[in-house]
Amino acid sequence: MIARIWHGMTEASKAAEYSEYMNRTGVSDLAATPGNQGVYMLRRLEGNRAHFLMVSLWESEEAIRRFAGEDIQKARYYPQDKAYLLELEPAVTHYVVVAKQ
């Protein structure tokens, strides 16, 4: 299993609205992609910023490609992300899951 992790940051005042937007777009797209084995959206408020981590679990790199395209290291963004995010980080990170309970 592979964990794909994306980070984004918004103004704290937009955190709830961005969470709703991501549930409608990113979370639902991730979950609907064949080979996806789970999605977690994490949010942490830090002063006037809200940090988001999207952790998705995948059966293989091929499954990730069905969601992300050929370059699985490249972050995937949605049309309204620019209205919320303070920057568009270009890459995601991947980890091999070595333990799960």
PDB file of N, CA and C in Angstrom:
ATOM      1  N   MET A   1       0.852  -1.173   0.000  1.00  0.00           N
ATOM      2  CA  MET A   1       0.000   0.000   0.000  1.00  0.00           C
ATOM      3  C   MET A   1       0.895   1.233   0.000  1.00  0.00           C
ATOM      4  N   ILE A   2       0.447   2.262  -0.708  1.00  0.00           N
ATOM      5  CA  ILE A   2       1.191   3.514  -0.818  1.00  0.00           C
ATOM      6  C   ILE A   2       0.318   4.650  -0.293  1.00  0.00           C
ATOM      7  N   ALA A   3       0.912   5.507   0.542  1.00  0.00           N
ATOM      8  CA  ALA A   3       0.230   6.712   1.020  1.00  0.00           C
ATOM      9  C   ALA A   3       0.703   7.893   0.181  1.00  0.00           C
ATOM     10  N   ARG A   4      -0.240   8.644  -0.358  1.00  0.00           N
ATOM     11  CA  ARG A   4       0.037   9.864  -1.127  1.00  0.00           C
ATOM     12  C   ARG A   4      -0.365  11.033  -0.246  1.00  0.00           C
ATOM     13  N   ILE A   5       0.563  11.967  -0.006  1.00  0.00           N
ATOM     14  CA  ILE A   5       0.309  13.054   0.934  1.00  0.00           C
ATOM     15  C   ILE A   5       0.510  14.399   0.248  1.00  0.00           C
ATOM     16  N   TRP A   6      -0.523  15.227   0.317  1.00  0.00           N
ATOM     17  CA  TRP A   6      -0.508  16.571  -0.248  1.00  0.00           C
ATOM     18  C   TRP A   6      -0.706  17.566   0.878  1.00  0.00           C
ATOM     19  N   HIS A   7      -0.028  18.714   0.789  1.00  0.00           N
ATOM     20  CA  HIS A   7      -0.177  19.786   1.773  1.00  0.00           C
ATOM     21  C   HIS A   7      -0.658  21.047   1.073  1.00  0.00           C
ATOM     22  N   GLY A   8      -1.573  21.745   1.715  1.00  0.00           N
ATOM     23  CA  GLY A   8      -2.030  23.040   1.238  1.00  0.00           C
ATOM     24  C   GLY A   8      -2.306  23.949   2.424  1.00  0.00           C
ATOM     25  N   MET A   9      -2.367  25.251   2.163  1.00  0.00           N
ATOM     26  CA  MET A   9      -2.577  26.205   3.244  1.00  0.00           C
ATOM     27  C   MET A   9      -3.504  27.324   2.773  1.00  0.00           C
ATOM     28  N   THR A  10      -4.477  27.660   3.618  1.00  0.00           N
ATOM     29  CA  THR A  10      -5.409  28.748   3.355  1.00  0.00           C
ATOM     30  C   THR A  10      -5.361  29.750   4.503  1.00  0.00           C
ATOM     31  N   GLU A  11      -6.040  30.854   4.329  1.00  0.00           N
ATOM     32  CA  GLU A  11      -6.276  31.743   5.466  1.00  0.00           C
ATOM     33  C   GLU A  11      -7.226  31.015   6.410  1.00  0.00           C
ATOM     34  N   ALA A  12      -7.057  31.191   7.707  1.00  0.00           N
ATOM     35  CA  ALA A  12      -7.900  30.505   8.684  1.00  0.00           C
ATOM     36  C   ALA A  12      -9.377  30.824   8.464  1.00  0.00           C
ATOM     37  N   SER A  13      -9.674  32.034   8.040  1.00  0.00           N
ATOM     38  CA  SER A  13     -11.066  32.437   7.823  1.00  0.00           C
ATOM     39  C   SER A  13     -11.735  31.655   6.689  1.00  0.00           C
ATOM     40  N   LYS A  14     -10.952  31.027   5.832  1.00  0.00           N
ATOM     41  CA  LYS A  14     -11.498  30.253   4.709  1.00  0.00           C
ATOM     42  C   LYS A  14     -11.442  28.743   4.954  1.00  0.00           C
ATOM     43  N   ALA A  15     -11.014  28.319   6.126  1.00  0.00           N
ATOM     44  CA  ALA A  15     -10.779  26.896   6.396  1.00  0.00           C
ATOM     45  C   ALA A  15     -12.040  26.046   6.260  1.00  0.00           C
ATOM     46  N   ALA A  16     -13.129  26.471   6.854  1.00  0.00           N
ATOM     47  CA  ALA A  16     -14.365  25.679   6.790  1.00  0.00           C
ATOM     48  C   ALA A  16     -14.895  25.610   5.357  1.00  0.00           C
ATOM     49  N   GLU A  17     -14.858  26.741   4.665  1.00  0.00           N
ATOM     50  CA  GLU A  17     -15.341  26.774   3.283  1.00  0.00           C
ATOM     51  C   GLU A  17     -14.469  25.896   2.378  1.00  0.00           C
ATOM     52  N   TYR A  18     -13.148  25.933   2.590  1.00  0.00           N
ATOM     53  CA  TYR A  18     -12.262  25.101   1.776  1.00  0.00           C
ATOM     54  C   TYR A  18     -12.471  23.617   2.094  1.00  0.00           C
ATOM     55  N   SER A  19     -12.702  23.287   3.349  1.00  0.00           N
ATOM     56  CA  SER A  19     -12.986  21.894   3.727  1.00  0.00           C
ATOM     57  C   SER A  19     -14.211  21.377   2.968  1.00  0.00           C
ATOM     58  N   GLU A  20     -15.261  22.172   2.922  1.00  0.00           N
ATOM     59  CA  GLU A  20     -16.477  21.776   2.195  1.00  0.00           C
ATOM     60  C   GLU A  20     -16.196  21.609   0.707  1.00  0.00           C
ATOM     61  N   TYR A  21     -15.453  22.546   0.140  1.00  0.00           N
ATOM     62  CA  TYR A  21     -15.096  22.478  -1.278  1.00  0.00           C
ATOM     63  C   TYR A  21     -14.289  21.209  -1.574  1.00  0.00           C
ATOM     64  N   MET A  22     -13.314  20.917  -0.728  1.00  0.00           N
ATOM     65  CA  MET A  22     -12.485  19.733  -0.950  1.00  0.00           C
ATOM     66  C   MET A  22     -13.272  18.435  -0.759  1.00  0.00           C
ATOM     67  N   ASN A  23     -14.237  18.427   0.130  1.00  0.00           N
ATOM     68  CA  ASN A  23     -15.091  17.238   0.265  1.00  0.00           C
ATOM     69  C   ASN A  23     -15.869  16.982  -1.020  1.00  0.00           C
ATOM     70  N   ARG A  24     -16.325  18.054  -1.675  1.00  0.00           N
ATOM     71  CA  ARG A  24     -17.083  17.910  -2.923  1.00  0.00           C
ATOM     72  C   ARG A  24     -16.203  17.550  -4.109  1.00  0.00           C
ATOM     73  N   THR A  25     -14.946  17.958  -4.087  1.00  0.00           N
ATOM     74  CA  THR A  25     -14.068  17.769  -5.248  1.00  0.00           C
ATOM     75  C   THR A  25     -13.017  16.700  -4.965  1.00  0.00           C
ATOM     76  N   GLY A  26     -11.958  17.070  -4.302  1.00  0.00           N
ATOM     77  CA  GLY A  26     -10.815  16.184  -4.100  1.00  0.00           C
ATOM     78  C   GLY A  26     -11.133  14.889  -3.377  1.00  0.00           C
ATOM     79  N   VAL A  27     -11.809  14.979  -2.247  1.00  0.00           N
ATOM     80  CA  VAL A  27     -12.102  13.770  -1.472  1.00  0.00           C
ATOM     81  C   VAL A  27     -12.977  12.813  -2.276  1.00  0.00           C
ATOM     82  N   SER A  28     -14.003  13.338  -2.911  1.00  0.00           N
ATOM     83  CA  SER A  28     -14.893  12.453  -3.674  1.00  0.00           C
ATOM     84  C   SER A  28     -14.184  11.874  -4.899  1.00  0.00           C
ATOM     85  N   ASP A  29     -13.339  12.657  -5.576  1.00  0.00           N
ATOM     86  CA  ASP A  29     -12.579  12.137  -6.715  1.00  0.00           C
ATOM     87  C   ASP A  29     -11.600  11.048  -6.288  1.00  0.00           C
ATOM     88  N   LEU A  30     -10.879  11.316  -5.219  1.00  0.00           N
ATOM     89  CA  LEU A  30      -9.937  10.312  -4.713  1.00  0.00           C
ATOM     90  C   LEU A  30     -10.658   9.017  -4.380  1.00  0.00           C
ATOM     91  N   ALA A  31     -11.719   9.116  -3.612  1.00  0.00           N
ATOM     92  CA  ALA A  31     -12.443   7.924  -3.152  1.00  0.00           C
ATOM     93  C   ALA A  31     -13.055   7.141  -4.307  1.00  0.00           C
ATOM     94  N   ALA A  32     -13.424   7.820  -5.381  1.00  0.00           N
ATOM     95  CA  ALA A  32     -14.074   7.157  -6.517  1.00  0.00           C
ATOM     96  C   ALA A  32     -13.079   6.526  -7.498  1.00  0.00           C
ATOM     97  N   THR A  33     -11.798   6.779  -7.322  1.00  0.00           N
ATOM     98  CA  THR A  33     -10.798   6.248  -8.243  1.00  0.00           C
ATOM     99  C   THR A  33     -10.506   4.786  -7.927  1.00  0.00           C
ATOM    100  N   PRO A  34     -10.608   3.903  -8.906  1.00  0.00           N
ATOM    101  CA  PRO A  34     -10.296   2.488  -8.663  1.00  0.00           C
ATOM    102  C   PRO A  34      -8.880   2.319  -8.114  1.00  0.00           C
ATOM    103  N   GLY A  35      -8.772   1.519  -7.077  1.00  0.00           N
ATOM    104  CA  GLY A  35      -7.484   1.292  -6.432  1.00  0.00           C
ATOM    105  C   GLY A  35      -7.257   2.150  -5.211  1.00  0.00           C
ATOM    106  N   ASN A  36      -8.139   3.148  -4.977  1.00  0.00           N
ATOM    107  CA  ASN A  36      -8.039   3.951  -3.767  1.00  0.00           C
ATOM    108  C   ASN A  36      -8.546   3.131  -2.595  1.00  0.00           C
ATOM    109  N   GLN A  37      -7.818   3.186  -1.487  1.00  0.00           N
ATOM    110  CA  GLN A  37      -8.182   2.392  -0.316  1.00  0.00           C
ATOM    111  C   GLN A  37      -8.505   3.236   0.906  1.00  0.00           C
ATOM    112  N   GLY A  38      -8.689   4.526   0.692  1.00  0.00           N
ATOM    113  CA  GLY A  38      -9.077   5.397   1.793  1.00  0.00           C
ATOM    114  C   GLY A  38      -8.542   6.800   1.608  1.00  0.00           C
ATOM    115  N   VAL A  39      -9.255   7.762   2.196  1.00  0.00           N
ATOM    116  CA  VAL A  39      -8.878   9.176   2.099  1.00  0.00           C
ATOM    117  C   VAL A  39      -9.095   9.825   3.462  1.00  0.00           C
ATOM    118  N   TYR A  40      -8.112  10.588   3.893  1.00  0.00           N
ATOM    119  CA  TYR A  40      -8.224  11.374   5.118  1.00  0.00           C
ATOM    120  C   TYR A  40      -7.865  12.812   4.787  1.00  0.00           C
ATOM    121  N   MET A  41      -8.709  13.750   5.195  1.00  0.00           N
ATOM    122  CA  MET A  41      -8.385  15.164   5.069  1.00  0.00           C
ATOM    123  C   MET A  41      -8.161  15.687   6.482  1.00  0.00           C
ATOM    124  N   LEU A  42      -6.972  16.191   6.736  1.00  0.00           N
ATOM    125  CA  LEU A  42      -6.598  16.695   8.053  1.00  0.00           C
ATOM    126  C   LEU A  42      -6.452  18.207   7.989  1.00  0.00           C
ATOM    127  N   ARG A  43      -6.858  18.882   9.069  1.00  0.00           N
ATOM    128  CA  ARG A  43      -6.769  20.342   9.105  1.00  0.00           C
ATOM    129  C   ARG A  43      -6.208  20.773  10.449  1.00  0.00           C
ATOM    130  N   ARG A  44      -5.298  21.751  10.407  1.00  0.00           N
ATOM    131  CA  ARG A  44      -4.710  22.294  11.628  1.00  0.00           C
ATOM    132  C   ARG A  44      -4.676  23.808  11.510  1.00  0.00           C
ATOM    133  N   LEU A  45      -5.244  24.490  12.501  1.00  0.00           N
ATOM    134  CA  LEU A  45      -5.196  25.952  12.530  1.00  0.00           C
ATOM    135  C   LEU A  45      -3.934  26.383  13.259  1.00  0.00           C
ATOM    136  N   GLU A  46      -3.249  27.346  12.657  1.00  0.00           N
ATOM    137  CA  GLU A  46      -2.013  27.893  13.241  1.00  0.00           C
ATOM    138  C   GLU A  46      -2.045  29.397  13.024  1.00  0.00           C
ATOM    139  N   GLY A  47      -2.485  30.126  14.039  1.00  0.00           N
ATOM    140  CA  GLY A  47      -2.628  31.569  13.899  1.00  0.00           C
ATOM    141  C   GLY A  47      -3.680  31.890  12.851  1.00  0.00           C
ATOM    142  N   ASN A  48      -3.309  32.696  11.872  1.00  0.00           N
ATOM    143  CA  ASN A  48      -4.270  33.082  10.834  1.00  0.00           C
ATOM    144  C   ASN A  48      -4.172  32.184   9.593  1.00  0.00           C
ATOM    145  N   ARG A  49      -3.556  31.028   9.733  1.00  0.00           N
ATOM    146  CA  ARG A  49      -3.408  30.069   8.635  1.00  0.00           C
ATOM    147  C   ARG A  49      -4.060  28.734   8.999  1.00  0.00           C
ATOM    148  N   ALA A  50      -4.542  28.057   7.979  1.00  0.00           N
ATOM    149  CA  ALA A  50      -5.063  26.699   8.149  1.00  0.00           C
ATOM    150  C   ALA A  50      -4.263  25.784   7.226  1.00  0.00           C
ATOM    151  N   HIS A  51      -3.667  24.770   7.809  1.00  0.00           N
ATOM    152  CA  HIS A  51      -2.902  23.789   7.041  1.00  0.00           C
ATOM    153  C   HIS A  51      -3.784  22.579   6.785  1.00  0.00           C
ATOM    154  N   PHE A  52      -3.713  22.058   5.577  1.00  0.00           N
ATOM    155  CA  PHE A  52      -4.455  20.866   5.202  1.00  0.00           C
ATOM    156  C   PHE A  52      -3.477  19.791   4.740  1.00  0.00           C
ATOM    157  N   LEU A  53      -3.709  18.574   5.189  1.00  0.00           N
ATOM    158  CA  LEU A  53      -3.010  17.411   4.656  1.00  0.00           C
ATOM    159  C   LEU A  53      -4.069  16.488   4.094  1.00  0.00           C
ATOM    160  N   MET A  54      -3.876  16.086   2.859  1.00  0.00           N
ATOM    161  CA  MET A  54      -4.748  15.095   2.242  1.00  0.00           C
ATOM    162  C   MET A  54      -3.917  13.822   2.153  1.00  0.00           C
ATOM    163  N   VAL A  55      -4.355  12.797   2.859  1.00  0.00           N
ATOM    164  CA  VAL A  55      -3.660  11.515   2.864  1.00  0.00           C
ATOM    165  C   VAL A  55      -4.575  10.510   2.179  1.00  0.00           C
ATOM    166  N   SER A  56      -4.102   9.986   1.065  1.00  0.00           N
ATOM    167  CA  SER A  56      -4.881   8.969   0.358  1.00  0.00           C
ATOM    168  C   SER A  56      -4.052   7.695   0.296  1.00  0.00           C
ATOM    169  N   LEU A  57      -4.734   6.570   0.387  1.00  0.00           N
ATOM    170  CA  LEU A  57      -4.082   5.259   0.403  1.00  0.00           C
ATOM    171  C   LEU A  57      -4.396   4.523  -0.886  1.00  0.00           C
ATOM    172  N   TRP A  58      -3.377   3.893  -1.473  1.00  0.00           N
ATOM    173  CA  TRP A  58      -3.480   3.297  -2.803  1.00  0.00           C
ATOM    174  C   TRP A  58      -2.911   1.896  -2.829  1.00  0.00           C
ATOM    175  N   GLU A  59      -3.494   1.068  -3.687  1.00  0.00           N
ATOM    176  CA  GLU A  59      -3.009  -0.309  -3.816  1.00  0.00           C
ATOM    177  C   GLU A  59      -1.715  -0.389  -4.624  1.00  0.00           C
ATOM    178  N   SER A  60      -1.441   0.604  -5.497  1.00  0.00           N
ATOM    179  CA  SER A  60      -0.259   0.547  -6.351  1.00  0.00           C
ATOM    180  C   SER A  60      -0.003   1.917  -6.987  1.00  0.00           C
ATOM    181  N   GLU A  61       1.189   2.069  -7.596  1.00  0.00           N
ATOM    182  CA  GLU A  61       1.482   3.291  -8.339  1.00  0.00           C
ATOM    183  C   GLU A  61       0.557   3.420  -9.546  1.00  0.00           C
ATOM    184  N   GLU A  62       0.200   2.313 -10.158  1.00  0.00           N
ATOM    185  CA  GLU A  62      -0.729   2.364 -11.299  1.00  0.00           C
ATOM    186  C   GLU A  62      -2.081   2.947 -10.871  1.00  0.00           C
ATOM    187  N   ALA A  63      -2.536   2.584  -9.697  1.00  0.00           N
ATOM    188  CA  ALA A  63      -3.793   3.146  -9.184  1.00  0.00           C
ATOM    189  C   ALA A  63      -3.647   4.653  -8.971  1.00  0.00           C
ATOM    190  N   ILE A  64      -2.510   5.089  -8.466  1.00  0.00           N
ATOM    191  CA  ILE A  64      -2.281   6.526  -8.279  1.00  0.00           C
ATOM    192  C   ILE A  64      -2.331   7.238  -9.631  1.00  0.00           C
ATOM    193  N   ARG A  65      -1.763   6.637 -10.664  1.00  0.00           N
ATOM    194  CA  ARG A  65      -1.780   7.249 -11.999  1.00  0.00           C
ATOM    195  C   ARG A  65      -3.203   7.468 -12.510  1.00  0.00           C
ATOM    196  N   ARG A  66      -4.123   6.586 -12.135  1.00  0.00           N
ATOM    197  CA  ARG A  66      -5.511   6.782 -12.563  1.00  0.00           C
ATOM    198  C   ARG A  66      -6.083   8.085 -12.014  1.00  0.00           C
ATOM    199  N   PHE A  67      -5.601   8.510 -10.868  1.00  0.00           N
ATOM    200  CA  PHE A  67      -6.049   9.774 -10.281  1.00  0.00           C
ATOM    201  C   PHE A  67      -5.170  10.946 -10.723  1.00  0.00           C
ATOM    202  N   ALA A  68      -3.857  10.767 -10.639  1.00  0.00           N
ATOM    203  CA  ALA A  68      -2.920  11.883 -10.768  1.00  0.00           C
ATOM    204  C   ALA A  68      -2.380  12.100 -12.173  1.00  0.00           C
ATOM    205  N   GLY A  69      -2.452  11.109 -13.028  1.00  0.00           N
ATOM    206  CA  GLY A  69      -1.812  11.203 -14.330  1.00  0.00           C
ATOM    207  C   GLY A  69      -0.453  10.526 -14.295  1.00  0.00           C
ATOM    208  N   GLU A  70       0.263  10.617 -15.396  1.00  0.00           N
ATOM    209  CA  GLU A  70       1.518   9.879 -15.542  1.00  0.00           C
ATOM    210  C   GLU A  70       2.571  10.278 -14.510  1.00  0.00           C
ATOM    211  N   ASP A  71       2.702  11.576 -14.218  1.00  0.00           N
ATOM    212  CA  ASP A  71       3.678  12.044 -13.232  1.00  0.00           C
ATOM    213  C   ASP A  71       3.023  12.042 -11.854  1.00  0.00           C
ATOM    214  N   ILE A  72       3.183  10.954 -11.135  1.00  0.00           N
ATOM    215  CA  ILE A  72       2.488  10.822  -9.850  1.00  0.00           C
ATOM    216  C   ILE A  72       3.052  11.734  -8.774  1.00  0.00           C
ATOM    217  N   GLN A  73       4.221  12.332  -9.001  1.00  0.00           N
ATOM    218  CA  GLN A  73       4.804  13.257  -8.025  1.00  0.00           C
ATOM    219  C   GLN A  73       4.163  14.643  -8.104  1.00  0.00           C
ATOM    220  N   LYS A  74       3.504  14.933  -9.196  1.00  0.00           N
ATOM    221  CA  LYS A  74       2.912  16.253  -9.420  1.00  0.00           C
ATOM    222  C   LYS A  74       1.579  16.372  -8.670  1.00  0.00           C
ATOM    223  N   ALA A  75       1.408  17.482  -7.967  1.00  0.00           N
ATOM    224  CA  ALA A  75       0.153  17.741  -7.264  1.00  0.00           C
ATOM    225  C   ALA A  75      -0.963  17.999  -8.274  1.00  0.00           C
ATOM    226  N   ARG A  76      -2.162  17.567  -7.938  1.00  0.00           N
ATOM    227  CA  ARG A  76      -3.327  17.796  -8.801  1.00  0.00           C
ATOM    228  C   ARG A  76      -4.212  18.846  -8.141  1.00  0.00           C
ATOM    229  N   TYR A  77      -4.600  19.869  -8.897  1.00  0.00           N
ATOM    230  CA  TYR A  77      -5.423  20.948  -8.360  1.00  0.00           C
ATOM    231  C   TYR A  77      -6.744  21.056  -9.106  1.00  0.00           C
ATOM    232  N   TYR A  78      -7.706  21.694  -8.428  1.00  0.00           N
ATOM    233  CA  TYR A  78      -9.054  21.879  -8.960  1.00  0.00           C
ATOM    234  C   TYR A  78      -9.256  23.358  -9.288  1.00  0.00           C
ATOM    235  N   PRO A  79     -10.244  23.671 -10.134  1.00  0.00           N
ATOM    236  CA  PRO A  79     -10.404  25.043 -10.632  1.00  0.00           C
ATOM    237  C   PRO A  79     -10.465  26.137  -9.560  1.00  0.00           C
ATOM    238  N   GLN A  80     -11.115  25.913  -8.450  1.00  0.00           N
ATOM    239  CA  GLN A  80     -11.266  26.964  -7.437  1.00  0.00           C
ATOM    240  C   GLN A  80     -10.144  26.980  -6.403  1.00  0.00           C
ATOM    241  N   ASP A  81      -9.184  26.063  -6.490  1.00  0.00           N
ATOM    242  CA  ASP A  81      -8.093  26.033  -5.508  1.00  0.00           C
ATOM    243  C   ASP A  81      -7.359  27.366  -5.416  1.00  0.00           C
ATOM    244  N   LYS A  82      -7.168  28.047  -6.543  1.00  0.00           N
ATOM    245  CA  LYS A  82      -6.446  29.323  -6.539  1.00  0.00           C
ATOM    246  C   LYS A  82      -7.167  30.379  -5.704  1.00  0.00           C
ATOM    247  N   ALA A  83      -8.483  30.256  -5.559  1.00  0.00           N
ATOM    248  CA  ALA A  83      -9.249  31.218  -4.761  1.00  0.00           C
ATOM    249  C   ALA A  83      -9.054  30.996  -3.259  1.00  0.00           C
ATOM    250  N   TYR A  84      -8.587  29.818  -2.877  1.00  0.00           N
ATOM    251  CA  TYR A  84      -8.430  29.477  -1.460  1.00  0.00           C
ATOM    252  C   TYR A  84      -6.979  29.369  -1.014  1.00  0.00           C
ATOM    253  N   LEU A  85      -6.159  28.700  -1.793  1.00  0.00           N
ATOM    254  CA  LEU A  85      -4.810  28.353  -1.357  1.00  0.00           C
ATOM    255  C   LEU A  85      -3.856  29.535  -1.458  1.00  0.00           C
ATOM    256  N   LEU A  86      -2.969  29.634  -0.483  1.00  0.00           N
ATOM    257  CA  LEU A  86      -1.980  30.709  -0.474  1.00  0.00           C
ATOM    258  C   LEU A  86      -0.850  30.432  -1.457  1.00  0.00           C
ATOM    259  N   GLU A  87      -0.618  29.187  -1.787  1.00  0.00           N
ATOM    260  CA  GLU A  87       0.317  28.808  -2.836  1.00  0.00           C
ATOM    261  C   GLU A  87      -0.078  27.428  -3.354  1.00  0.00           C
ATOM    262  N   LEU A  88       0.327  27.134  -4.568  1.00  0.00           N
ATOM    263  CA  LEU A  88       0.055  25.825  -5.160  1.00  0.00           C
ATOM    264  C   LEU A  88       1.354  25.032  -5.139  1.00  0.00           C
ATOM    265  N   GLU A  89       1.518  24.232  -4.113  1.00  0.00           N
ATOM    266  CA  GLU A  89       2.735  23.435  -4.006  1.00  0.00           C
ATOM    267  C   GLU A  89       2.791  22.469  -5.184  1.00  0.00           C
ATOM    268  N   PRO A  90       3.935  22.382  -5.851  1.00  0.00           N
ATOM    269  CA  PRO A  90       3.997  21.605  -7.089  1.00  0.00           C
ATOM    270  C   PRO A  90       4.008  20.086  -6.924  1.00  0.00           C
ATOM    271  N   ALA A  91       4.404  19.592  -5.764  1.00  0.00           N
ATOM    272  CA  ALA A  91       4.595  18.146  -5.622  1.00  0.00           C
ATOM    273  C   ALA A  91       3.923  17.593  -4.377  1.00  0.00           C
ATOM    274  N   VAL A  92       3.682  16.304  -4.428  1.00  0.00           N
ATOM    275  CA  VAL A  92       3.185  15.542  -3.285  1.00  0.00           C
ATOM    276  C   VAL A  92       4.300  14.603  -2.834  1.00  0.00           C
ATOM    277  N   THR A  93       4.101  13.920  -1.718  1.00  0.00           N
ATOM    278  CA  THR A  93       5.050  12.906  -1.278  1.00  0.00           C
ATOM    279  C   THR A  93       4.337  11.569  -1.191  1.00  0.00           C
ATOM    280  N   HIS A  94       5.110  10.517  -1.378  1.00  0.00           N
ATOM    281  CA  HIS A  94       4.592   9.166  -1.292  1.00  0.00           C
ATOM    282  C   HIS A  94       5.390   8.372  -0.265  1.00  0.00           C
ATOM    283  N   TYR A  95       4.701   7.541   0.476  1.00  0.00           N
ATOM    284  CA  TYR A  95       5.331   6.656   1.443  1.00  0.00           C
ATOM    285  C   TYR A  95       4.769   5.260   1.260  1.00  0.00           C
ATOM    286  N   VAL A  96       5.623   4.267   1.396  1.00  0.00           N
ATOM    287  CA  VAL A  96       5.149   2.892   1.428  1.00  0.00           C
ATOM    288  C   VAL A  96       4.638   2.642   2.846  1.00  0.00           C
ATOM    289  N   VAL A  97       3.428   2.131   2.950  1.00  0.00           N
ATOM    290  CA  VAL A  97       2.856   1.805   4.262  1.00  0.00           C
ATOM    291  C   VAL A  97       3.467   0.486   4.711  1.00  0.00           C
ATOM    292  N   VAL A  98       4.177   0.522   5.830  1.00  0.00           N
ATOM    293  CA  VAL A  98       4.866  -0.681   6.312  1.00  0.00           C
ATOM    294  C   VAL A  98       4.172  -1.330   7.507  1.00  0.00           C
ATOM    295  N   ALA A  99       3.180  -0.634   8.070  1.00  0.00           N
ATOM    296  CA  ALA A  99       2.407  -1.219   9.166  1.00  0.00           C
ATOM    297  C   ALA A  99       1.033  -0.571   9.188  1.00  0.00           C
ATOM    298  N   LYS A 100       0.027  -1.378   9.502  1.00  0.00           N
ATOM    299  CA  LYS A 100      -1.345  -0.901   9.613  1.00  0.00           C
ATOM    300  C   LYS A 100      -2.091  -1.821  10.546  1.00  0.00           C
ATOM    301  N   GLN A 101      -2.914  -1.258  11.413  1.00  0.00           N
ATOM    302  CA  GLN A 101      -3.737  -2.083  12.305  1.00  0.00           C
ATOM    303  C   GLN A 101      -5.172  -1.723  12.133  1.00  0.00           C
TER     304      GLN A 101
END
